Amino acid sequence: MRKKDKKIEIQISDAQVEVNGAQLSGYQLTIGKKVIGQIAEIDEKYAAVKNGDVVDFHKNLEAAVEAVIEAYNLNN
């Protein structure tokens, strides 16, 4: 038997992201009321942020969003 694919809506909103104690402009990804990740804009690159630390950098926003969703899916 196959499992049915669940449709989950992920919202991306503008937010202030804290990276190493500094507040930067960026984005917050949420499912319902649960925050699944944050992305900060640093030097024209997009950094995936976890617990206030940069995890990795991406050239565009789409790649950063995919990385955050992938990390969330692997851990949950």
Protein backbone atom coordinates (compact mmCIF):
# COMPACT_ATOMS: atom_id res chain seq x y z
CA MET A 1 0.00 0.00 0.00
CA ARG A 2 1.08 3.52 -0.73
CA LYS A 3 0.88 6.34 1.74
CA LYS A 4 -1.09 9.33 0.61
CA ASP A 5 0.97 12.47 0.14
CA LYS A 6 0.07 15.12 2.68
CA LYS A 7 -0.26 18.67 1.44
CA ILE A 8 1.53 20.96 3.87
CA GLU A 9 1.48 24.73 3.45
CA ILE A 10 4.74 26.48 4.28
CA GLN A 11 4.61 30.24 4.71
CA ILE A 12 7.56 32.56 4.10
CA SER A 13 7.43 35.93 5.83
CA ASP A 14 9.82 38.85 6.24
CA ALA A 15 11.50 38.85 9.65
CA GLN A 16 14.47 40.11 11.62
CA VAL A 17 16.87 37.18 12.04
CA GLU A 18 19.47 37.05 14.81
CA VAL A 19 22.88 35.82 13.65
CA ASN A 20 25.74 35.77 16.18
CA GLY A 21 24.01 38.48 18.24
CA ALA A 22 23.33 40.81 15.29
CA GLN A 23 19.86 41.50 13.89
CA LEU A 24 19.71 41.11 10.09
CA SER A 25 16.86 41.31 7.62
CA GLY A 26 15.69 37.96 6.35
CA TYR A 27 12.87 35.46 6.16
CA GLN A 28 11.12 33.06 8.50
CA LEU A 29 9.57 29.77 7.32
CA THR A 30 6.57 28.48 9.26
CA ILE A 31 4.15 25.58 9.17
CA GLY A 32 1.05 26.72 11.01
CA LYS A 33 2.46 28.41 14.11
CA LYS A 34 5.69 26.37 14.23
CA VAL A 35 8.88 28.03 12.95
CA ILE A 36 10.84 25.51 10.88
CA GLY A 37 13.73 27.73 9.85
CA GLN A 38 15.15 31.16 9.16
CA ILE A 39 17.09 32.65 6.27
CA ALA A 40 19.22 35.80 6.51
CA GLU A 41 20.56 37.98 3.70
CA ILE A 42 24.32 38.40 4.15
CA ASP A 43 26.49 40.04 1.47
CA GLU A 44 24.00 39.32 -1.34
CA LYS A 45 23.88 35.63 -0.35
CA TYR A 46 21.24 33.75 1.58
CA ALA A 47 22.29 32.00 4.78
CA ALA A 48 20.26 29.23 6.42
CA VAL A 49 20.24 30.02 10.15
CA LYS A 50 19.70 27.55 12.99
CA ASN A 51 19.81 28.57 16.67
CA GLY A 52 21.47 31.90 15.83
CA ASP A 53 24.31 30.33 13.83
CA VAL A 54 24.78 30.16 10.05
CA VAL A 55 24.45 26.59 8.79
CA ASP A 56 25.27 27.20 5.11
CA PHE A 57 25.14 29.78 2.30
CA HIS A 58 23.15 29.70 -0.96
CA LYS A 59 23.25 31.83 -4.11
CA ASN A 60 19.50 32.39 -4.28
CA LEU A 61 16.47 32.37 -1.99
CA GLU A 62 14.90 29.30 -3.59
CA ALA A 63 17.95 27.12 -2.85
CA ALA A 64 18.02 28.34 0.76
CA VAL A 65 14.31 27.58 1.21
CA GLU A 66 14.80 24.08 -0.24
CA ALA A 67 17.72 23.44 2.16
CA VAL A 68 15.67 24.53 5.20
CA ILE A 69 12.71 22.36 4.18
CA GLU A 70 14.99 19.40 3.49
CA ALA A 71 16.66 19.72 6.91
CA TYR A 72 13.24 19.97 8.57
CA ASN A 73 11.96 16.87 6.77
CA LEU A 74 15.05 14.84 7.70
CA ASN A 75 14.73 15.72 11.38
CA ASN A 76 10.95 15.26 11.73
